[in-house]
Amino acid sequence: MFCPRCGVKSEEGAKFCTACGAPLAVRPADAGKQPFQQNLSHESPPPYQEPQSQKKKGCLIAAGVAAFLFLALTILAVMNGGEIIFSTAHFSEACMASKINQETSEPLVKTEVFPKRSTTKIYAVALVKNVPADTRLSAVWYHIPTGASRRTENDIITDKNIWVNFNLTNPRGFVAGEYKVDMMINGKVEKTLHFRVE
């Protein structure tokens, strides 16, 4: 028998520890009996186990969100030709014009109808806001009846709000019909303008 206080072995049947004098736990009448052992197979579960399930739910939710973000970024990259570009730039105003201020690109004569014989240059102008430097702006012009298209580009080298213009030039005049121009920021169509030549 060992003392519960100091751990020294004592003689069988002793009531007190010979080393520290502490009373020994087993009485002489109980010395031959086996101590009570609880049956572990029937033990009741701890009273509160929710944190484990909440922790598992939290991990599953986090994994699901991460998988969704990965999938969304992959789709975005595929749609942008392998590039992921985030930009705050946007066209706040856009219109067609037959005449612009050559220094600022602001439209002076706005119109959606251009005369066939006298028009040699058509402008698509837009005010671009929140544009970071090195933003790629472009426009694709379409003659709707034939499906013919032409691309024009404009790279921004400043980081301020600025008017930009895209122009389509033909010294001999334009073919009559309906046209449209898709205005893009970093390869993504942001505005589409329609006009006609008659």
C-alpha atoms as a PDB file:
ATOM      1  CA  MET A   1       0.000   0.000   0.000  1.00  0.00           C
ATOM      2  CA  PHE A   2       1.284   3.474  -0.924  1.00  0.00           C
ATOM      3  CA  CYS A   3       0.670   6.748   0.882  1.00  0.00           C
ATOM      4  CA  PRO A   4      -1.622   8.997  -1.161  1.00  0.00           C
ATOM      5  CA  ARG A   5       0.204  12.077   0.136  1.00  0.00           C
ATOM      6  CA  CYS A   6       3.937  11.279  -0.170  1.00  0.00           C
ATOM      7  CA  GLY A   7       3.904   8.025  -2.181  1.00  0.00           C
ATOM      8  CA  VAL A   8       5.995   5.989   0.293  1.00  0.00           C
ATOM      9  CA  LYS A   9       5.168   2.275   0.579  1.00  0.00           C
ATOM     10  CA  SER A  10       3.662   1.341   3.931  1.00  0.00           C
ATOM     11  CA  GLU A  11       2.973  -2.003   5.563  1.00  0.00           C
ATOM     12  CA  GLU A  12      -0.283  -3.793   4.866  1.00  0.00           C
ATOM     13  CA  GLY A  13      -2.897  -2.923   7.486  1.00  0.00           C
ATOM     14  CA  ALA A  14      -1.186   0.319   8.601  1.00  0.00           C
ATOM     15  CA  LYS A  15      -3.517   3.190   9.355  1.00  0.00           C
ATOM     16  CA  PHE A  16      -0.953   5.977   9.005  1.00  0.00           C
ATOM     17  CA  CYS A  17       2.047   6.580   6.736  1.00  0.00           C
ATOM     18  CA  THR A  18       5.346   5.902   8.490  1.00  0.00           C
ATOM     19  CA  ALA A  19       7.068   8.696   6.503  1.00  0.00           C
ATOM     20  CA  CYS A  20       4.647  11.649   6.681  1.00  0.00           C
ATOM     21  CA  GLY A  21       2.010  10.499   9.181  1.00  0.00           C
ATOM     22  CA  ALA A  22      -0.902  11.013   6.803  1.00  0.00           C
ATOM     23  CA  PRO A  23      -3.870   8.657   7.225  1.00  0.00           C
ATOM     24  CA  LEU A  24      -3.909   5.875   4.656  1.00  0.00           C
ATOM     25  CA  ALA A  25      -6.977   5.641   2.407  1.00  0.00           C
ATOM     26  CA  VAL A  26      -7.739   1.912   2.736  1.00  0.00           C
ATOM     27  CA  ARG A  27      -9.049   0.684   6.061  1.00  0.00           C
ATOM     28  CA  PRO A  28      -7.923  -2.763   7.258  1.00  0.00           C
ATOM     29  CA  ALA A  29     -11.416  -4.225   6.728  1.00  0.00           C
ATOM     30  CA  ASP A  30     -11.349  -3.110   3.084  1.00  0.00           C
ATOM     31  CA  ALA A  31      -7.737  -4.203   2.434  1.00  0.00           C
ATOM     32  CA  GLY A  32      -8.708  -7.513   0.763  1.00  0.00           C
ATOM     33  CA  LYS A  33     -11.373  -5.983  -1.449  1.00  0.00           C
ATOM     34  CA  GLN A  34     -10.708  -4.736  -4.931  1.00  0.00           C
ATOM     35  CA  PRO A  35     -11.292  -1.024  -5.319  1.00  0.00           C
ATOM     36  CA  PHE A  36     -14.398  -0.046  -7.285  1.00  0.00           C
ATOM     37  CA  GLN A  37     -13.710   0.418 -10.983  1.00  0.00           C
ATOM     38  CA  GLN A  38     -16.212   2.167 -13.165  1.00  0.00           C
ATOM     39  CA  ASN A  39     -17.235   0.301 -16.302  1.00  0.00           C
ATOM     40  CA  LEU A  40     -15.908   2.565 -19.061  1.00  0.00           C
ATOM     41  CA  SER A  41     -18.112   1.063 -21.758  1.00  0.00           C
ATOM     42  CA  HIS A  42     -21.232   2.476 -20.077  1.00  0.00           C
ATOM     43  CA  GLU A  43     -19.746   5.869 -19.321  1.00  0.00           C
ATOM     44  CA  SER A  44     -21.978   8.778 -20.295  1.00  0.00           C
ATOM     45  CA  PRO A  45     -20.579  11.256 -22.841  1.00  0.00           C
ATOM     46  CA  PRO A  46     -19.279  14.618 -21.699  1.00  0.00           C
ATOM     47  CA  PRO A  47     -22.165  17.046 -21.258  1.00  0.00           C
ATOM     48  CA  TYR A  48     -21.096  19.576 -23.967  1.00  0.00           C
ATOM     49  CA  GLN A  49     -19.686  18.495 -27.306  1.00  0.00           C
ATOM     50  CA  GLU A  50     -21.024  21.160 -29.729  1.00  0.00           C
ATOM     51  CA  PRO A  51     -17.734  22.991 -30.342  1.00  0.00           C
ATOM     52  CA  GLN A  52     -16.384  19.987 -32.261  1.00  0.00           C
ATOM     53  CA  SER A  53     -19.344  19.928 -34.642  1.00  0.00           C
ATOM     54  CA  GLN A  54     -19.264  23.731 -35.018  1.00  0.00           C
ATOM     55  CA  LYS A  55     -15.548  23.535 -35.661  1.00  0.00           C
ATOM     56  CA  LYS A  56     -16.156  20.921 -38.360  1.00  0.00           C
ATOM     57  CA  LYS A  57     -18.920  23.071 -39.867  1.00  0.00           C
ATOM     58  CA  GLY A  58     -16.609  26.089 -39.860  1.00  0.00           C
ATOM     59  CA  CYS A  59     -13.885  24.123 -41.628  1.00  0.00           C
ATOM     60  CA  LEU A  60     -16.355  22.843 -44.225  1.00  0.00           C
ATOM     61  CA  ILE A  61     -17.702  26.340 -44.853  1.00  0.00           C
ATOM     62  CA  ALA A  62     -14.192  27.774 -45.180  1.00  0.00           C
ATOM     63  CA  ALA A  63     -13.221  25.002 -47.598  1.00  0.00           C
ATOM     64  CA  GLY A  64     -16.382  25.614 -49.642  1.00  0.00           C
ATOM     65  CA  VAL A  65     -15.729  29.363 -49.849  1.00  0.00           C
ATOM     66  CA  ALA A  66     -12.106  28.764 -50.862  1.00  0.00           C
ATOM     67  CA  ALA A  67     -13.184  26.318 -53.582  1.00  0.00           C
ATOM     68  CA  PHE A  68     -15.794  28.793 -54.883  1.00  0.00           C
ATOM     69  CA  LEU A  69     -13.246  31.642 -55.011  1.00  0.00           C
ATOM     70  CA  PHE A  70     -10.745  29.427 -56.812  1.00  0.00           C
ATOM     71  CA  LEU A  71     -13.389  28.423 -59.352  1.00  0.00           C
ATOM     72  CA  ALA A  72     -14.516  32.032 -59.859  1.00  0.00           C
ATOM     73  CA  LEU A  73     -10.936  33.246 -60.395  1.00  0.00           C
ATOM     74  CA  THR A  74     -10.272  30.399 -62.819  1.00  0.00           C
ATOM     75  CA  ILE A  75     -13.367  31.283 -64.847  1.00  0.00           C
ATOM     76  CA  LEU A  76     -12.372  34.963 -64.789  1.00  0.00           C
ATOM     77  CA  ALA A  77      -8.882  34.093 -66.012  1.00  0.00           C
ATOM     78  CA  VAL A  78     -10.244  31.955 -68.849  1.00  0.00           C
ATOM     79  CA  MET A  79     -12.661  34.697 -69.900  1.00  0.00           C
ATOM     80  CA  ASN A  80      -9.845  37.284 -69.962  1.00  0.00           C
ATOM     81  CA  GLY A  81      -7.493  35.158 -72.039  1.00  0.00           C
ATOM     82  CA  GLY A  82      -5.459  33.844 -69.116  1.00  0.00           C
ATOM     83  CA  GLU A  83      -5.131  37.185 -67.332  1.00  0.00           C
ATOM     84  CA  ILE A  84      -6.829  38.216 -64.123  1.00  0.00           C
ATOM     85  CA  ILE A  85      -7.247  41.984 -64.172  1.00  0.00           C
ATOM     86  CA  PHE A  86      -9.020  43.942 -61.477  1.00  0.00           C
ATOM     87  CA  SER A  87      -9.653  47.594 -62.288  1.00  0.00           C
ATOM     88  CA  THR A  88     -11.716  50.381 -60.778  1.00  0.00           C
ATOM     89  CA  ALA A  89     -11.837  52.197 -64.127  1.00  0.00           C
ATOM     90  CA  HIS A  90     -15.239  52.753 -65.693  1.00  0.00           C
ATOM     91  CA  PHE A  91     -16.879  54.887 -68.365  1.00  0.00           C
ATOM     92  CA  SER A  92     -19.114  57.384 -66.575  1.00  0.00           C
ATOM     93  CA  GLU A  93     -20.255  59.080 -69.803  1.00  0.00           C
ATOM     94  CA  ALA A  94     -20.047  57.890 -73.392  1.00  0.00           C
ATOM     95  CA  CYS A  95     -21.433  59.245 -76.650  1.00  0.00           C
ATOM     96  CA  MET A  96     -20.905  59.498 -80.386  1.00  0.00           C
ATOM     97  CA  ALA A  97     -19.622  62.795 -81.809  1.00  0.00           C
ATOM     98  CA  SER A  98     -18.824  64.372 -85.146  1.00  0.00           C
ATOM     99  CA  LYS A  99     -16.477  66.943 -83.583  1.00  0.00           C
ATOM    100  CA  ILE A 100     -14.338  66.908 -80.409  1.00  0.00           C
ATOM    101  CA  ASN A 101     -11.933  69.226 -78.587  1.00  0.00           C
ATOM    102  CA  GLN A 102      -8.579  68.035 -79.933  1.00  0.00           C
ATOM    103  CA  GLU A 103      -6.759  68.771 -76.641  1.00  0.00           C
ATOM    104  CA  THR A 104      -9.202  67.269 -74.130  1.00  0.00           C
ATOM    105  CA  SER A 105     -11.236  64.847 -76.319  1.00  0.00           C
ATOM    106  CA  GLU A 106     -14.475  66.290 -74.912  1.00  0.00           C
ATOM    107  CA  PRO A 107     -17.341  66.047 -77.411  1.00  0.00           C
ATOM    108  CA  LEU A 108     -18.313  69.335 -79.077  1.00  0.00           C
ATOM    109  CA  VAL A 109     -21.015  68.025 -81.437  1.00  0.00           C
ATOM    110  CA  LYS A 110     -22.843  64.943 -80.145  1.00  0.00           C
ATOM    111  CA  THR A 111     -24.840  62.912 -82.635  1.00  0.00           C
ATOM    112  CA  GLU A 112     -25.962  59.397 -83.492  1.00  0.00           C
ATOM    113  CA  VAL A 113     -26.618  60.105 -87.180  1.00  0.00           C
ATOM    114  CA  PHE A 114     -23.787  60.917 -89.599  1.00  0.00           C
ATOM    115  CA  PRO A 115     -24.197  62.100 -93.234  1.00  0.00           C
ATOM    116  CA  LYS A 116     -22.861  59.536 -95.699  1.00  0.00           C
ATOM    117  CA  ARG A 117     -20.996  61.829 -98.112  1.00  0.00           C
ATOM    118  CA  SER A 118     -19.593  64.534 -95.836  1.00  0.00           C
ATOM    119  CA  THR A 119     -18.462  62.430 -92.857  1.00  0.00           C
ATOM    120  CA  THR A 120     -14.821  61.324 -92.952  1.00  0.00           C
ATOM    121  CA  LYS A 121     -14.254  60.827 -89.215  1.00  0.00           C
ATOM    122  CA  ILE A 122     -16.578  59.466 -86.526  1.00  0.00           C
ATOM    123  CA  TYR A 123     -15.732  59.709 -82.824  1.00  0.00           C
ATOM    124  CA  ALA A 124     -16.760  57.545 -79.899  1.00  0.00           C
ATOM    125  CA  VAL A 125     -15.846  59.489 -76.755  1.00  0.00           C
ATOM    126  CA  ALA A 126     -16.059  58.626 -73.082  1.00  0.00           C
ATOM    127  CA  LEU A 127     -15.156  60.057 -69.713  1.00  0.00           C
ATOM    128  CA  VAL A 128     -13.123  57.406 -67.920  1.00  0.00           C
ATOM    129  CA  LYS A 129     -13.085  57.624 -64.115  1.00  0.00           C
ATOM    130  CA  ASN A 130     -10.942  55.932 -61.445  1.00  0.00           C
ATOM    131  CA  VAL A 131      -8.481  54.911 -64.106  1.00  0.00           C
ATOM    132  CA  PRO A 132      -5.097  53.644 -62.899  1.00  0.00           C
ATOM    133  CA  ALA A 133      -2.044  54.225 -65.074  1.00  0.00           C
ATOM    134  CA  ASP A 134      -1.361  51.619 -67.782  1.00  0.00           C
ATOM    135  CA  THR A 135      -5.048  50.843 -68.284  1.00  0.00           C
ATOM    136  CA  ARG A 136      -5.764  49.439 -71.753  1.00  0.00           C
ATOM    137  CA  LEU A 137      -8.758  50.974 -73.483  1.00  0.00           C
ATOM    138  CA  SER A 138      -9.977  49.770 -76.850  1.00  0.00           C
ATOM    139  CA  ALA A 139     -12.959  49.924 -79.146  1.00  0.00           C
ATOM    140  CA  VAL A 140     -14.275  47.589 -81.815  1.00  0.00           C
ATOM    141  CA  TRP A 141     -16.384  49.167 -84.547  1.00  0.00           C
ATOM    142  CA  TYR A 142     -18.984  47.074 -86.391  1.00  0.00           C
ATOM    143  CA  HIS A 143     -20.922  47.688 -89.604  1.00  0.00           C
ATOM    144  CA  ILE A 144     -23.980  45.681 -88.583  1.00  0.00           C
ATOM    145  CA  PRO A 145     -25.352  44.721 -92.054  1.00  0.00           C
ATOM    146  CA  THR A 146     -22.033  43.198 -93.233  1.00  0.00           C
ATOM    147  CA  GLY A 147     -20.518  42.192 -89.883  1.00  0.00           C
ATOM    148  CA  ALA A 148     -17.238  43.924 -90.816  1.00  0.00           C
ATOM    149  CA  SER A 149     -15.253  45.129 -87.798  1.00  0.00           C
ATOM    150  CA  ARG A 150     -12.244  47.262 -86.970  1.00  0.00           C
ATOM    151  CA  ARG A 151     -10.372  47.646 -83.683  1.00  0.00           C
ATOM    152  CA  THR A 152      -8.867  50.871 -82.293  1.00  0.00           C
ATOM    153  CA  GLU A 153      -6.869  51.195 -79.063  1.00  0.00           C
ATOM    154  CA  ASN A 154      -5.907  53.862 -76.566  1.00  0.00           C
ATOM    155  CA  ASP A 155      -3.473  53.275 -73.667  1.00  0.00           C
ATOM    156  CA  ILE A 156      -3.877  55.506 -70.613  1.00  0.00           C
ATOM    157  CA  ILE A 157      -0.598  56.680 -69.112  1.00  0.00           C
ATOM    158  CA  THR A 158      -1.992  58.949 -66.398  1.00  0.00           C
ATOM    159  CA  ASP A 159      -3.994  58.102 -63.316  1.00  0.00           C
ATOM    160  CA  LYS A 160      -6.784  60.659 -63.369  1.00  0.00           C
ATOM    161  CA  ASN A 161     -10.296  61.046 -64.736  1.00  0.00           C
ATOM    162  CA  ILE A 162      -9.904  61.719 -68.431  1.00  0.00           C
ATOM    163  CA  TRP A 163     -11.867  62.023 -71.674  1.00  0.00           C
ATOM    164  CA  VAL A 164     -10.751  59.529 -74.304  1.00  0.00           C
ATOM    165  CA  ASN A 165     -11.718  59.200 -77.929  1.00  0.00           C
ATOM    166  CA  PHE A 166     -11.711  56.413 -80.455  1.00  0.00           C
ATOM    167  CA  ASN A 167     -12.172  57.383 -84.053  1.00  0.00           C
ATOM    168  CA  LEU A 168     -13.021  55.696 -87.283  1.00  0.00           C
ATOM    169  CA  THR A 169     -11.666  57.450 -90.375  1.00  0.00           C
ATOM    170  CA  ASN A 170     -12.499  57.010 -94.054  1.00  0.00           C
ATOM    171  CA  PRO A 171     -11.459  59.843 -96.407  1.00  0.00           C
ATOM    172  CA  ARG A 172     -14.009  58.652 -99.021  1.00  0.00           C
ATOM    173  CA  GLY A 173     -16.958  58.584 -96.599  1.00  0.00           C
ATOM    174  CA  PHE A 174     -18.723  55.683 -94.932  1.00  0.00           C
ATOM    175  CA  VAL A 175     -21.062  52.992 -96.190  1.00  0.00           C
ATOM    176  CA  ALA A 176     -24.651  53.711 -95.216  1.00  0.00           C
ATOM    177  CA  GLY A 177     -26.209  51.565 -92.533  1.00  0.00           C
ATOM    178  CA  GLU A 178     -26.344  50.758 -88.846  1.00  0.00           C
ATOM    179  CA  TYR A 179     -23.120  50.639 -86.813  1.00  0.00           C
ATOM    180  CA  LYS A 180     -22.140  49.933 -83.262  1.00  0.00           C
ATOM    181  CA  VAL A 181     -18.976  50.383 -81.243  1.00  0.00           C
ATOM    182  CA  ASP A 182     -18.003  48.273 -78.210  1.00  0.00           C
ATOM    183  CA  MET A 183     -15.864  50.283 -75.786  1.00  0.00           C
ATOM    184  CA  MET A 184     -13.623  48.122 -73.598  1.00  0.00           C
ATOM    185  CA  ILE A 185     -11.481  48.489 -70.488  1.00  0.00           C
ATOM    186  CA  ASN A 186      -8.686  45.913 -70.248  1.00  0.00           C
ATOM    187  CA  GLY A 187     -10.389  43.744 -72.862  1.00  0.00           C
ATOM    188  CA  LYS A 188     -13.846  43.736 -71.247  1.00  0.00           C
ATOM    189  CA  VAL A 189     -16.782  45.450 -72.968  1.00  0.00           C
ATOM    190  CA  GLU A 190     -18.054  48.241 -70.703  1.00  0.00           C
ATOM    191  CA  LYS A 191     -20.221  50.318 -73.069  1.00  0.00           C
ATOM    192  CA  THR A 192     -21.848  49.766 -76.450  1.00  0.00           C
ATOM    193  CA  LEU A 193     -22.923  52.742 -78.551  1.00  0.00           C
ATOM    194  CA  HIS A 194     -25.104  52.588 -81.664  1.00  0.00           C
ATOM    195  CA  PHE A 195     -25.106  55.044 -84.571  1.00  0.00           C
ATOM    196  CA  ARG A 196     -25.984  55.145 -88.234  1.00  0.00           C
ATOM    197  CA  VAL A 197     -24.714  56.632 -91.453  1.00  0.00           C
ATOM    198  CA  GLU A 198     -27.320  57.813 -94.003  1.00  0.00           C
END
